[in-house]
Protein backbone atom coordinates (compact mmCIF):
# COMPACT_ATOMS: atom_id res chain seq x y z
CA MET A 1 22.23 35.40 8.66
CA ASP A 2 22.51 31.78 7.63
CA LYS A 3 20.10 29.29 9.14
CA PRO A 4 21.29 26.13 10.89
CA ASP A 5 20.94 22.75 9.26
CA LYS A 6 18.14 21.86 11.62
CA TYR A 7 16.08 24.72 10.18
CA TRP A 8 16.56 23.46 6.61
CA ASN A 9 15.77 19.93 7.73
CA PHE A 10 12.40 21.21 8.98
CA VAL A 11 11.82 23.03 5.72
CA LEU A 12 12.67 19.92 3.80
CA GLN A 13 10.25 17.76 5.82
CA LEU A 14 7.50 20.31 5.34
CA LYS A 15 8.19 20.60 1.62
CA ARG A 16 7.73 16.82 1.30
CA TYR A 17 4.59 17.01 3.33
CA CYS A 18 3.18 19.71 1.04
CA ASN A 19 4.32 17.90 -2.11
CA TYR A 20 2.48 14.71 -1.12
CA GLN A 21 -0.94 16.43 -1.31
CA GLU A 22 -2.48 19.91 -1.05
CA ARG A 23 -2.30 21.29 2.51
CA CYS A 24 -3.85 24.18 4.40
CA THR A 25 -2.17 26.39 6.91
CA ALA A 26 -3.85 24.66 9.85
CA GLU A 27 -2.41 21.32 8.72
CA ILE A 28 1.07 22.89 8.33
CA ASN A 29 0.87 24.38 11.82
CA ARG A 30 -0.18 21.05 13.24
CA LYS A 31 2.69 19.32 11.42
CA MET A 32 5.17 21.89 12.74
CA PHE A 33 3.88 21.31 16.22
CA GLN A 34 4.41 17.48 15.74
CA LEU A 35 7.87 18.07 14.43
CA ASP A 36 8.68 20.37 17.32
CA VAL A 37 9.65 23.28 15.10
CA PRO A 38 10.79 26.16 17.31
CA VAL A 39 8.13 28.89 17.54
CA GLU A 40 10.54 31.56 16.30
CA TRP A 41 10.99 29.65 12.93
CA GLN A 42 7.40 28.77 12.26
CA SER A 43 6.10 31.95 10.60
CA GLU A 44 9.24 32.19 8.50
CA ILE A 45 8.89 28.61 7.35
CA LEU A 46 5.21 29.18 6.59
CA ASP A 47 6.16 32.34 4.53
CA TYR A 48 8.80 30.19 2.69
CA LEU A 49 6.22 27.55 1.75
CA ILE A 50 3.74 30.20 0.51
CA GLU A 51 6.33 32.09 -1.46
CA ASN A 52 7.50 28.85 -3.13
CA ASN A 53 3.89 27.95 -3.98
CA LEU A 54 3.97 24.84 -1.90
CA LEU A 55 1.14 26.14 0.27
CA ASN A 56 -1.87 27.77 -1.31
CA GLU A 57 -5.19 27.97 0.50
CA LYS A 58 -7.24 28.62 -2.61
CA ARG A 59 -5.71 25.62 -4.44
CA PHE A 60 -6.28 23.55 -1.26
CA ALA A 61 -9.96 24.61 -1.04
CA ILE A 62 -10.55 23.73 -4.70
CA SER A 63 -8.77 20.38 -4.49
CA TYR A 64 -10.47 19.49 -1.15
CA SER A 65 -13.93 20.38 -2.43
CA ILE A 66 -13.70 18.49 -5.71
CA GLY A 67 -12.12 15.48 -3.99
CA LYS A 68 -14.71 15.25 -1.31
CA ILE A 69 -17.53 15.52 -3.85
CA ARG A 70 -16.10 12.95 -6.20
CA ASN A 71 -14.63 10.47 -3.79
CA ASN A 72 -16.69 10.81 -0.60
CA TYR A 73 -19.96 11.95 -2.13
CA TRP A 74 -20.14 14.94 0.18
CA GLY A 75 -22.41 17.87 -0.41
CA LYS A 76 -21.37 21.46 -0.34
CA GLN A 77 -22.77 22.08 3.21
CA LYS A 78 -20.56 19.37 4.74
CA ILE A 79 -17.51 20.60 2.74
CA LEU A 80 -18.24 24.14 3.89
CA ALA A 81 -18.28 23.06 7.58
CA SER A 82 -15.12 20.98 7.14
CA LEU A 83 -13.17 23.78 5.50
CA LYS A 84 -14.34 26.32 8.08
CA GLN A 85 -13.02 23.87 10.69
CA LYS A 86 -9.73 24.00 8.87
CA LYS A 87 -9.93 27.80 9.15
CA ILE A 88 -10.25 28.45 5.41
CA ASP A 89 -11.68 31.87 4.58
CA THR A 90 -15.38 31.78 3.45
CA SER A 91 -14.49 33.77 0.29
CA LEU A 92 -11.99 31.06 -0.76
CA ILE A 93 -14.58 28.36 -0.07
CA ASN A 94 -17.11 30.19 -2.25
CA GLU A 95 -14.51 30.52 -4.96
CA ALA A 96 -13.67 26.87 -4.74
CA PHE A 97 -17.31 26.00 -5.22
CA LYS A 98 -17.26 27.74 -8.51
CA PHE A 99 -15.05 24.99 -9.76
CA VAL A 100 -17.69 22.32 -8.95
CA ASP A 101 -19.60 21.32 -12.06
CA ASP A 102 -23.36 21.62 -11.27
CA GLU A 103 -24.32 18.67 -13.46
CA GLU A 104 -21.72 16.37 -11.90
CA TYR A 105 -22.79 17.50 -8.45
CA LEU A 106 -26.46 16.73 -9.18
CA SER A 107 -25.45 13.37 -10.77
CA ILE A 108 -23.64 12.37 -7.57
CA LEU A 109 -26.66 13.28 -5.48
CA ARG A 110 -28.92 11.18 -7.75
CA HIS A 111 -26.44 8.28 -7.57
CA ILE A 112 -26.21 8.21 -3.79
CA MET A 113 -29.94 8.59 -3.34
CA ASN A 114 -30.67 5.73 -5.75
CA ILE A 115 -28.22 3.50 -3.84
CA LYS A 116 -30.00 4.45 -0.59
CA ILE A 117 -33.43 3.76 -2.11
CA GLY A 118 -32.15 0.28 -2.94
CA LYS A 119 -31.44 -0.24 0.71
CA ILE A 120 -34.54 1.32 2.24
CA GLY A 121 -37.13 0.55 -0.35
CA ASP A 122 -40.16 2.44 -1.76
CA ILE A 123 -40.00 6.18 -1.08
CA SER A 124 -43.73 6.65 -1.51
CA ILE A 125 -43.79 5.48 2.13
CA ASP A 126 -43.26 8.64 4.15
CA LYS A 127 -40.94 6.85 6.65
CA ASN A 128 -38.60 5.87 3.83
CA LYS A 129 -38.72 9.32 2.20
CA LYS A 130 -37.69 10.79 5.53
CA LYS A 131 -34.76 8.34 5.76
CA LEU A 132 -33.70 9.27 2.26
CA LEU A 133 -33.95 13.01 2.98
CA ASN A 134 -31.98 12.68 6.29
CA TYR A 135 -29.30 10.59 4.54
CA ALA A 136 -28.74 13.18 1.87
CA LEU A 137 -28.77 16.01 4.41
CA GLN A 138 -26.14 14.25 6.49
CA LYS A 139 -24.00 13.88 3.39
CA GLY A 140 -24.23 17.71 3.17
CA PHE A 141 -26.47 18.21 0.18
CA GLU A 142 -28.79 21.26 -0.01
CA SER A 143 -32.50 20.53 0.87
CA SER A 144 -33.73 22.18 -2.36
CA LEU A 145 -31.67 19.85 -4.48
CA ILE A 146 -32.60 16.81 -2.44
CA TRP A 147 -36.32 17.60 -2.95
CA GLN A 148 -35.70 18.16 -6.59
CA VAL A 149 -34.20 14.74 -6.94
CA ILE A 150 -36.90 13.07 -4.84
CA LYS A 151 -39.57 14.61 -7.16
CA GLU A 152 -37.67 13.35 -10.21
CA ILE A 153 -37.49 9.81 -8.74
CA GLU A 154 -41.25 9.88 -7.84
CA LEU A 155 -42.07 11.04 -11.34
CA ASN A 156 -39.92 8.35 -12.92
CA ASN A 157 -41.58 5.75 -10.67
CA LYS A 158 -45.02 7.03 -11.47
CA TYR A 159 -44.61 7.14 -15.19
CA GLY A 160 -42.08 4.26 -15.44
CA ASN A 161 -39.33 6.31 -17.14
């Protein structure tokens, strides 16, 4: 049975939406709601987008993770929470994290912590160290990595490297 023009118009709008940037199913569902796509067409349109590789949750998770790390300086914990909020499966999130370069990730943590130190001052003062720790935790970085970088910075300050 042929679909009416209105159906294909919705498909075209959603194809453009997907082509603009990677999307997840939750974003597509929200967009279909905004466009007032009839409920009986929604799952069929979603299937069409998946079959034509316009919608791919794994690809979205990878792109989202790398983008948030590089552009927003988010840590994995914050990305994990955000992706879960977007209803991305935990296994896909873990798979996406495999594409994150550990050295780049650590370098970004060092970078944001050094910027913060420039604003708060000497981290040998406990109050400032706590501010630095809280800042990096809020950005979503793991506490073990944060402490590793704090120790590196303290050693560099102590020995003047």
